[in-house]
Amino acid sequence: MKNGPLPKTLLNLTLFLLWSLGLANCGSNPAANSPAGPQLLPTPTISIPKALQSNNPKADLQIFHYFNDSLGKKSMEDLLQLFQQANPKLKIANNPIDHETFKFSIPVMLRSAEPPDTFSYWAGARVQAAVDADLLQPLDTLWSQGKLDQVFSKVIAASSTYNAQKYVVPIGYHYVAFFYNKKLFATVGAKVPQTWAELKAVAEKFKQAGVRAFALGSRDAWPAQFWFDYLLLRTAGPTYRAELMAGKRAYTDPEVKRTMQLWQELIDKGYFYPEAEAYNWEEAAKIMAQDQAAMTLMGTWITGYYKNTLNLTADEDYSYFTFPQIDKGVPSVGVGGFDCFVMAKNARHPAATQKLLAFLASPVAQKAWTVGQGALPPSKQVASKDYPPLIQRILQEVDAMPSLAFNYDLATTPLMAEAGLESFAAFMAHQADYPQVLQKMENRRQEIFKP
């Protein structure tokens, strides 16, 4: 058909923008959330997102990113200062944006007359959506010239590939694990659990000592996903989970029901710090650090928070352990994700953008970013000896794993991801029992993954 490619492109762009609107309506806003927590899959009120404005429209390089908290801003400023030193004549516009605004405004910017040159994004389904909408510039030449297939591991390189082309430059990745209060573990005589039965026994030991086992801050919805991810991976396994994320399995399947039953059991036993919906991840991390809870299931960025904000010392004040085995024979796959930078298809300053992206792949940039963020270095050129012993152990553990699965909101399509995040948060807020949660998620799955 003569005009065949055009309708497909328009369809992909329409789907991408619809996803962005779905994110805008379903996503949580930390400033707006009350202790009552998010509602279960609310009926969206349609609002059209607006393109973000640069703080320096005349700059030679327009950078937008979601590293908006105090730790992220400082790390990005330090990174761009290094780049600026090597490119003193280049005028750089550094535009930090809060997560929720970023998620639904970037797609609008990409179709505007003044798209960002480059912006941070979450590898996985969100990058795939932008690629399918033909809004990103392939980076195969940059990867080839920099021999980046040799710089990054096979897992990272594969996750940088979409539709058989490279589209991203990874700057840091994270691994989700239990981080625990070493003082509390020593006080009650608890040992690091290796199995599900041992984890429950440790949780009960803390309960008897008057301490909650788990701190979870689900006010912003996304932290609750890690419990669902690991419980499903440790029981149904990575193949089944991948099929569920692709819409090929039902949320009412026995495998998913069992996942929620295991989670429900811990809640019913009173092992979680109360009112999870009233806290964000940082507050939950602080609850653990202040001896009010023993553990929190979180990504390795928590180490940056503990070091730079709470002045805690790894392996002295806290340590970590991997999510325990539940069913024997199920591969011990980790959960995580990585942050990356991409280039807009219609970037106005392509040469400067390519120069920045090449810099971000360099060992100097990779080390500066990951040390500042508490992230893990994607680059094999960054020596593990440059990191604290705790991070070195995590790197060794991740390297030994069969694979690292994207966390829920990066593994499935954006609309399904937001539906799931809101459902998990509502479950933790006791607004619905798990059969109701799963039925609503299944209804959404059938709407989103129509044949």
Protein backbone atom coordinates (compact mmCIF):
# COMPACT_ATOMS: atom_id res chain seq x y z
CA MET A 1 0.00 0.00 0.00
CA LYS A 2 1.40 3.37 -1.03
CA ASN A 3 0.63 5.18 2.21
CA GLY A 4 1.02 2.14 4.50
CA PRO A 5 3.80 3.38 6.80
CA LEU A 6 2.05 6.64 7.67
CA PRO A 7 -1.01 5.16 9.43
CA LYS A 8 1.24 2.83 11.42
CA THR A 9 3.41 5.73 12.57
CA LEU A 10 0.37 7.76 13.52
CA LEU A 11 -1.11 4.80 15.34
CA ASN A 12 2.08 4.29 17.36
CA LEU A 13 2.27 7.99 18.18
CA THR A 14 -1.37 7.98 19.25
CA LEU A 15 -0.82 4.97 21.49
CA PHE A 16 2.26 6.61 23.01
CA LEU A 17 0.36 9.79 23.80
CA LEU A 18 -2.58 7.81 25.19
CA TRP A 19 -0.13 6.01 27.46
CA SER A 20 1.20 9.36 28.62
CA LEU A 21 -2.32 10.55 29.41
CA GLY A 22 -2.95 7.34 31.28
CA LEU A 23 0.17 7.97 33.32
CA ALA A 24 -0.96 11.51 34.04
CA ASN A 25 -4.32 10.41 35.32
CA CYS A 26 -3.33 7.27 37.18
CA GLY A 27 0.06 8.29 38.52
CA SER A 28 0.46 9.47 42.07
CA ASN A 29 1.59 12.92 43.15
CA PRO A 30 3.57 12.79 46.40
CA ALA A 31 2.67 16.35 47.32
CA ALA A 32 -1.03 15.77 46.77
CA ASN A 33 -1.38 12.37 48.46
CA SER A 34 -2.98 12.35 51.87
CA PRO A 35 -2.49 9.62 54.49
CA ALA A 36 -5.70 8.05 53.17
CA GLY A 37 -3.60 6.82 50.23
CA PRO A 38 -4.46 6.30 46.57
CA GLN A 39 -7.83 5.00 45.45
CA LEU A 40 -8.13 1.69 43.66
CA LEU A 41 -7.97 2.28 39.93
CA PRO A 42 -9.84 5.62 39.93
CA THR A 43 -11.88 6.71 36.97
CA PRO A 44 -9.53 9.09 35.15
CA THR A 45 -10.35 12.74 34.62
CA ILE A 46 -8.91 13.64 31.23
CA SER A 47 -6.39 16.47 31.30
CA ILE A 48 -4.03 17.40 28.49
CA PRO A 49 -0.40 17.64 29.60
CA LYS A 50 1.65 20.62 28.51
CA ALA A 51 5.15 20.77 27.11
CA LEU A 52 7.73 21.73 29.69
CA GLN A 53 9.69 24.95 29.30
CA SER A 54 13.48 25.07 29.46
CA ASN A 55 15.06 27.30 32.10
CA ASN A 56 17.43 28.49 29.34
CA PRO A 57 15.76 28.22 25.91
CA LYS A 58 18.79 29.66 24.09
CA ALA A 59 21.27 27.09 25.42
CA ASP A 60 23.31 24.91 23.07
CA LEU A 61 22.16 21.71 24.74
CA GLN A 62 18.75 21.06 26.26
CA ILE A 63 18.76 18.36 28.96
CA PHE A 64 15.63 17.26 30.82
CA HIS A 65 15.69 14.67 33.58
CA TYR A 66 13.69 13.31 36.52
CA PHE A 67 16.48 13.50 39.10
CA ASN A 68 14.62 16.13 41.03
CA ASP A 69 15.22 15.21 44.66
CA SER A 70 18.12 16.71 46.57
CA LEU A 71 20.38 13.71 45.98
CA GLY A 72 19.57 13.47 42.27
CA LYS A 73 19.96 17.19 41.61
CA LYS A 74 23.37 17.28 43.25
CA SER A 75 24.57 14.21 41.37
CA MET A 76 23.42 15.58 38.03
CA GLU A 77 24.97 18.98 38.71
CA ASP A 78 28.29 17.32 39.55
CA LEU A 79 28.12 15.19 36.41
CA LEU A 80 27.33 18.10 34.12
CA GLN A 81 30.08 20.16 35.73
CA LEU A 82 32.57 17.50 34.65
CA PHE A 83 31.16 17.64 31.12
CA GLN A 84 31.24 21.44 31.14
CA GLN A 85 34.91 21.45 32.12
CA ALA A 86 35.69 19.46 28.99
CA ASN A 87 33.40 21.67 26.88
CA PRO A 88 33.74 25.18 28.35
CA LYS A 89 32.15 27.01 25.41
CA LEU A 90 28.98 24.91 25.44
CA LYS A 91 25.91 26.50 27.06
CA ILE A 92 23.99 23.78 28.87
CA ALA A 93 20.39 23.95 30.06
CA ASN A 94 19.98 21.56 33.00
CA ASN A 95 16.24 21.01 33.58
CA PRO A 96 15.31 18.77 36.56
CA ILE A 97 11.60 17.84 36.62
CA ASP A 98 9.59 15.94 39.23
CA HIS A 99 8.77 12.34 38.28
CA GLU A 100 5.04 12.63 37.74
CA THR A 101 5.20 15.78 35.63
CA PHE A 102 8.06 14.28 33.67
CA LYS A 103 6.26 11.03 32.84
CA PHE A 104 3.37 12.61 31.00
CA SER A 105 4.97 15.79 29.70
CA ILE A 106 7.94 14.30 27.87
CA PRO A 107 5.76 12.66 25.17
CA VAL A 108 4.16 16.05 24.49
CA MET A 109 7.56 17.71 24.25
CA LEU A 110 8.78 15.10 21.80
CA ARG A 111 6.07 16.00 19.29
CA SER A 112 6.51 19.74 19.82
CA ALA A 113 8.55 22.16 17.69
CA GLU A 114 11.18 22.34 20.45
CA PRO A 115 11.80 18.84 21.78
CA PRO A 116 14.49 18.20 24.40
CA ASP A 117 17.84 17.24 22.90
CA THR A 118 18.28 14.47 25.42
CA PHE A 119 16.44 13.29 28.49
CA SER A 120 16.61 10.61 31.14
CA TYR A 121 14.25 7.68 30.80
CA TRP A 122 13.52 4.31 32.32
CA ALA A 123 14.78 1.42 30.20
CA GLY A 124 12.15 -1.14 29.29
CA ALA A 125 8.55 -0.69 28.22
CA ARG A 126 8.66 3.11 28.37
CA VAL A 127 11.59 3.39 25.97
CA GLN A 128 9.92 0.78 23.76
CA ALA A 129 6.79 2.92 23.55
CA ALA A 130 8.81 5.95 22.44
CA VAL A 131 10.74 3.87 19.90
CA ASP A 132 7.54 2.43 18.44
CA ALA A 133 6.18 5.96 18.11
CA ASP A 134 9.33 6.92 16.13
CA LEU A 135 10.23 9.68 18.59
CA LEU A 136 13.79 8.64 19.45
CA GLN A 137 17.03 8.73 17.49
CA PRO A 138 18.90 5.41 17.12
CA LEU A 139 22.37 5.46 18.66
CA ASP A 140 24.01 2.59 16.78
CA THR A 141 26.80 4.79 15.44
CA LEU A 142 27.63 6.11 18.90
CA TRP A 143 27.68 2.55 20.28
CA SER A 144 29.87 1.39 17.41
CA GLN A 145 32.37 4.26 17.62
CA GLY A 146 32.66 3.94 21.39
CA LYS A 147 32.75 0.11 21.26
CA LEU A 148 30.05 0.21 23.92
CA ASP A 149 29.16 -3.46 23.42
CA GLN A 150 32.51 -4.11 25.08
CA VAL A 151 31.99 -1.42 27.72
CA PHE A 152 28.62 -2.70 28.97
CA SER A 153 27.65 -6.22 29.95
CA LYS A 154 25.50 -8.39 27.67
CA VAL A 155 22.49 -7.91 29.95
CA ILE A 156 22.83 -4.12 29.88
CA ALA A 157 23.49 -4.07 26.11
CA ALA A 158 20.43 -6.23 25.47
CA SER A 159 18.29 -3.90 27.55
CA SER A 160 19.61 -0.98 25.50
CA THR A 161 18.38 -2.59 22.27
CA TYR A 162 14.91 -1.97 20.87
CA ASN A 163 13.68 -3.22 17.50
CA ALA A 164 17.23 -4.45 16.80
CA GLN A 165 18.81 -1.00 17.32
CA LYS A 166 20.54 0.76 20.20
CA TYR A 167 18.56 3.69 21.61
CA VAL A 168 19.90 4.37 25.09
CA VAL A 169 23.07 5.08 27.04
CA PRO A 170 22.77 3.55 30.53
CA ILE A 171 24.16 5.60 33.40
CA GLY A 172 23.28 3.51 36.44
CA TYR A 173 21.31 0.45 37.42
CA HIS A 174 19.76 -0.73 40.63
CA TYR A 175 19.13 -4.00 42.35
CA VAL A 176 16.23 -4.49 44.75
CA ALA A 177 16.96 -6.32 47.99
CA PHE A 178 16.16 -6.32 51.69
CA PHE A 179 18.12 -3.68 53.59
CA TYR A 180 18.11 -4.36 57.31
CA ASN A 181 19.00 -2.71 60.61
CA LYS A 182 22.04 -4.57 61.93
CA LYS A 183 21.56 -3.30 65.48
CA LEU A 184 18.02 -4.63 65.67
CA PHE A 185 19.01 -7.99 64.20
CA ALA A 186 21.74 -8.31 66.81
CA THR A 187 19.43 -7.21 69.64
CA VAL A 188 16.80 -9.89 68.97
CA GLY A 189 19.31 -12.51 67.85
CA ALA A 190 17.98 -12.73 64.29
CA LYS A 191 19.99 -14.27 61.48
CA VAL A 192 19.75 -13.33 57.82
CA PRO A 193 17.01 -15.59 56.36
CA GLN A 194 17.73 -17.83 53.39
CA THR A 195 14.24 -19.25 52.87
CA TRP A 196 10.64 -18.03 53.07
CA ALA A 197 10.07 -20.03 56.27
CA GLU A 198 13.13 -18.40 57.84
CA LEU A 199 11.95 -14.92 56.78
CA LYS A 200 8.58 -15.49 58.46
CA ALA A 201 10.31 -16.82 61.58
CA VAL A 202 12.51 -13.70 61.74
CA ALA A 203 9.45 -11.49 61.27
CA GLU A 204 7.69 -13.27 64.13
CA LYS A 205 10.76 -12.87 66.34
CA PHE A 206 10.67 -9.12 65.80
CA LYS A 207 6.93 -9.03 66.45
CA GLN A 208 7.44 -10.73 69.78
CA ALA A 209 10.09 -8.12 70.58
CA GLY A 210 7.63 -5.31 69.82
CA VAL A 211 9.23 -4.27 66.52
CA ARG A 212 7.65 -4.37 63.09
CA ALA A 213 9.59 -6.51 60.65
CA PHE A 214 8.98 -4.58 57.44
CA ALA A 215 8.80 -0.89 56.61
CA LEU A 216 7.06 -0.11 53.32
CA GLY A 217 6.23 3.41 52.19
CA SER A 218 3.59 3.01 49.48
CA ARG A 219 2.25 6.58 49.41
CA ASP A 220 3.75 7.08 45.97
CA ALA A 221 2.44 3.67 44.86
CA TRP A 222 5.59 2.32 43.17
CA PRO A 223 7.50 0.94 46.22
CA ALA A 224 4.86 -1.75 46.78
CA GLN A 225 5.56 -3.34 43.40
CA PHE A 226 8.77 -4.97 44.61
CA TRP A 227 6.85 -7.30 46.92
CA PHE A 228 4.65 -8.45 44.06
CA ASP A 229 7.66 -8.84 41.77
CA TYR A 230 9.69 -11.04 44.06
CA LEU A 231 6.82 -13.15 45.38
CA LEU A 232 5.77 -13.93 41.82
CA LEU A 233 9.34 -14.59 40.61
CA ARG A 234 10.14 -16.85 43.57
CA THR A 235 7.02 -18.99 43.01
CA ALA A 236 5.80 -18.89 39.39
CA GLY A 237 9.26 -18.13 37.99
CA PRO A 238 10.65 -15.67 35.43
CA THR A 239 9.08 -17.24 32.32
CA TYR A 240 5.56 -17.05 33.70
CA ARG A 241 6.14 -13.51 34.94
CA ALA A 242 7.40 -12.39 31.53
CA GLU A 243 4.22 -13.78 29.96
CA LEU A 244 2.08 -11.96 32.53
CA MET A 245 3.91 -8.71 31.85
CA ALA A 246 3.27 -9.19 28.11
CA GLY A 247 -0.46 -9.61 28.71
CA LYS A 248 -0.44 -13.30 27.83
CA ARG A 249 -1.50 -14.51 31.27
CA ALA A 250 -4.41 -13.53 33.49
CA TYR A 251 -4.15 -11.76 36.85
CA THR A 252 -6.76 -14.20 38.12
CA ASP A 253 -4.48 -17.19 37.45
CA PRO A 254 -3.67 -19.44 40.43
CA GLU A 255 -0.02 -18.36 40.22
CA VAL A 256 -0.90 -14.70 40.79
CA LYS A 257 -3.45 -15.52 43.48
CA ARG A 258 -0.81 -17.43 45.39
CA THR A 259 1.53 -14.45 45.18
CA MET A 260 -1.08 -12.22 46.78
CA GLN A 261 -1.96 -14.84 49.39
CA LEU A 262 1.67 -14.96 50.56
CA TRP A 263 1.73 -11.18 50.76
CA GLN A 264 -1.62 -11.12 52.59
CA GLU A 265 -0.31 -13.57 55.15
CA LEU A 266 2.47 -11.19 56.18
CA ILE A 267 0.05 -8.28 56.44
CA ASP A 268 -2.44 -10.27 58.50
CA LYS A 269 0.32 -11.28 60.91
CA GLY A 270 1.04 -7.60 61.60
CA TYR A 271 4.58 -7.72 60.29
CA PHE A 272 4.38 -4.45 58.32
CA TYR A 273 4.80 -1.04 59.91
CA PRO A 274 1.26 0.40 60.02
CA GLU A 275 -0.23 2.86 57.53
CA ALA A 276 2.17 2.18 54.69
CA GLU A 277 0.13 4.54 52.51
CA ALA A 278 1.14 7.48 54.73
CA TYR A 279 4.85 7.23 53.92
CA ASN A 280 7.14 7.47 50.92
CA TRP A 281 10.21 5.29 50.40
CA GLU A 282 12.58 7.71 52.14
CA GLU A 283 10.36 7.89 55.22
CA ALA A 284 10.14 4.10 55.30
CA ALA A 285 13.93 3.89 55.03
CA LYS A 286 14.20 6.32 57.93
CA ILE A 287 11.73 4.28 60.01
CA MET A 288 14.05 1.32 59.61
CA ALA A 289 17.14 3.39 60.40
CA GLN A 290 15.50 4.73 63.58
CA ASP A 291 14.92 1.20 64.95
CA GLN A 292 11.15 1.25 64.40
CA ALA A 293 11.28 -1.52 61.80
CA ALA A 294 13.86 -4.16 60.98
CA MET A 295 13.88 -4.30 57.17
CA THR A 296 12.76 -2.56 54.02
CA LEU A 297 12.60 -3.99 50.49
CA MET A 298 14.12 -1.30 48.28
CA GLY A 299 16.57 -0.57 45.46
CA THR A 300 20.24 0.12 45.95
CA TRP A 301 19.63 3.86 45.69
CA ILE A 302 18.78 3.57 49.38
CA THR A 303 22.53 3.32 50.08
CA GLY A 304 23.00 6.84 48.70
CA TYR A 305 20.19 8.11 50.94
CA TYR A 306 21.65 6.41 53.99
CA LYS A 307 25.14 7.72 53.33
CA ASN A 308 24.44 11.26 52.16
CA THR A 309 21.28 12.15 54.11
CA LEU A 310 21.27 10.05 57.29
CA ASN A 311 25.06 9.65 57.60
CA LEU A 312 24.80 5.91 58.14
CA THR A 313 27.66 3.49 57.55
CA ALA A 314 27.14 0.39 55.42
CA ASP A 315 27.91 -2.92 57.18
CA GLU A 316 27.90 -1.10 60.50
CA ASP A 317 24.45 0.48 60.74
CA TYR A 318 22.79 -1.56 58.01
CA SER A 319 23.42 -4.31 55.50
CA TYR A 320 21.44 -6.22 52.87
CA PHE A 321 20.29 -9.69 51.84
CA THR A 322 18.62 -11.02 48.73
CA PHE A 323 14.94 -11.96 48.68
CA PRO A 324 14.82 -15.52 50.07
CA GLN A 325 13.95 -18.67 48.20
CA ILE A 326 10.30 -19.74 48.36
CA ASP A 327 9.95 -22.73 46.02
CA LYS A 328 12.91 -24.98 45.34
CA GLY A 329 14.05 -25.19 41.76
CA VAL A 330 12.88 -21.69 40.81
CA PRO A 331 15.75 -19.59 39.40
CA SER A 332 16.98 -16.92 41.80
CA VAL A 333 16.38 -13.98 39.47
CA GLY A 334 16.93 -10.46 40.76
CA VAL A 335 14.69 -7.43 40.32
CA GLY A 336 15.94 -4.05 39.21
CA GLY A 337 16.08 -1.49 36.48
CA PHE A 338 18.37 1.08 35.01
CA ASP A 339 18.31 4.76 34.24
CA CYS A 340 19.46 5.89 30.85
CA PHE A 341 19.60 8.87 28.54
CA VAL A 342 18.07 8.94 25.07
CA MET A 343 18.18 11.35 22.15
CA ALA A 344 15.07 12.90 20.65
CA LYS A 345 14.44 12.13 17.00
CA ASN A 346 14.27 15.84 16.18
CA ALA A 347 16.93 17.06 18.59
CA ARG A 348 17.89 20.63 17.67
CA HIS A 349 21.51 20.21 18.77
CA PRO A 350 22.47 16.70 17.61
CA ALA A 351 26.26 17.20 17.69
CA ALA A 352 26.25 18.48 21.28
CA THR A 353 23.83 15.73 22.27
CA GLN A 354 26.04 13.00 20.82
CA LYS A 355 29.02 14.50 22.64
CA LEU A 356 27.16 14.39 25.98
CA LEU A 357 25.94 10.83 25.46
CA ALA A 358 29.46 9.67 24.63
CA PHE A 359 30.67 11.36 27.82
CA LEU A 360 27.96 9.64 29.88
CA ALA A 361 29.29 6.27 28.72
CA SER A 362 32.84 7.12 29.87
CA PRO A 363 34.33 5.54 33.02
CA VAL A 364 34.70 8.98 34.65
CA ALA A 365 31.01 9.81 34.23
CA GLN A 366 29.82 6.31 35.15
CA LYS A 367 31.80 6.30 38.37
CA ALA A 368 30.82 9.84 39.36
CA TRP A 369 27.16 9.13 38.81
CA THR A 370 26.91 5.76 40.50
CA VAL A 371 28.94 6.78 43.56
CA GLY A 372 26.80 9.87 44.03
CA GLN A 373 23.52 8.02 43.50
CA GLY A 374 24.19 4.80 45.34
CA ALA A 375 23.64 3.07 42.00
CA LEU A 376 25.52 0.19 40.39
CA PRO A 377 27.85 0.97 37.46
CA PRO A 378 26.69 -0.41 34.09
CA SER A 379 30.21 0.04 32.67
CA LYS A 380 32.67 -2.82 33.02
CA GLN A 381 35.44 -0.21 32.88
CA VAL A 382 34.56 0.99 36.38
CA ALA A 383 36.49 -1.14 38.87
CA SER A 384 34.41 -2.66 41.65
CA LYS A 385 37.24 -1.94 44.10
CA ASP A 386 36.29 1.73 43.87
CA TYR A 387 33.05 0.97 45.72
CA PRO A 388 32.28 0.13 49.36
CA PRO A 389 32.40 -3.56 50.32
CA LEU A 390 28.58 -3.79 50.49
CA ILE A 391 28.22 -2.57 46.90
CA GLN A 392 31.02 -4.90 45.81
CA ARG A 393 29.08 -7.85 47.25
CA ILE A 394 25.91 -6.75 45.48
CA LEU A 395 27.80 -6.46 42.18
CA GLN A 396 29.18 -9.98 42.62
CA GLU A 397 25.75 -11.32 43.49
CA VAL A 398 24.06 -9.69 40.50
CA ASP A 399 26.82 -10.93 38.16
CA ALA A 400 26.20 -14.48 39.36
CA MET A 401 22.45 -14.33 38.77
CA PRO A 402 20.91 -15.94 35.68
CA SER A 403 19.21 -12.64 34.83
CA LEU A 404 17.92 -9.36 36.25
CA ALA A 405 14.21 -8.76 35.68
CA PHE A 406 12.85 -5.24 35.19
CA ASN A 407 10.61 -4.23 38.08
CA TYR A 408 6.88 -4.26 37.36
CA ASP A 409 6.40 -0.71 36.10
CA LEU A 410 9.28 -1.12 33.64
CA ALA A 411 8.37 -4.64 32.53
CA THR A 412 4.82 -4.11 31.30
CA THR A 413 3.14 -1.43 29.20
CA PRO A 414 2.78 2.00 30.85
CA LEU A 415 -1.01 1.84 31.21
CA MET A 416 -0.91 -1.62 32.76
CA ALA A 417 1.99 -0.54 34.94
CA GLU A 418 0.05 2.35 36.44
CA ALA A 419 -3.01 0.16 36.96
CA GLY A 420 -0.84 -2.33 38.82
CA LEU A 421 0.95 0.26 40.95
CA GLU A 422 -2.32 1.82 42.08
CA SER A 423 -3.72 -1.65 42.85
CA PHE A 424 -0.73 -2.71 44.95
CA ALA A 425 -0.85 0.56 46.90
CA ALA A 426 -4.60 0.19 47.46
CA PHE A 427 -4.00 -3.35 48.70
CA MET A 428 -1.47 -2.09 51.24
CA ALA A 429 -3.94 0.63 52.28
CA HIS A 430 -6.54 -2.05 53.04
CA GLN A 431 -8.94 -0.47 50.55
CA ALA A 432 -9.52 -3.79 48.81
CA ASP A 433 -8.77 -7.47 49.37
CA TYR A 434 -6.57 -9.26 46.89
CA PRO A 435 -9.35 -11.02 44.89
CA GLN A 436 -10.88 -7.61 44.19
CA VAL A 437 -7.47 -6.17 43.33
CA LEU A 438 -6.68 -8.99 40.92
CA GLN A 439 -10.09 -8.87 39.24
CA LYS A 440 -9.75 -5.16 38.57
CA MET A 441 -6.25 -5.69 37.23
CA GLU A 442 -7.52 -8.49 35.01
CA ASN A 443 -10.25 -6.24 33.67
CA ARG A 444 -7.62 -3.66 32.78
CA ARG A 445 -5.39 -6.30 31.20
CA GLN A 446 -8.18 -7.34 28.89
CA GLU A 447 -8.82 -3.73 27.92
CA ILE A 448 -5.16 -2.90 27.31
CA PHE A 449 -4.02 -6.11 25.61
CA LYS A 450 -6.88 -6.48 23.17
CA PRO A 451 -6.04 -8.96 20.39
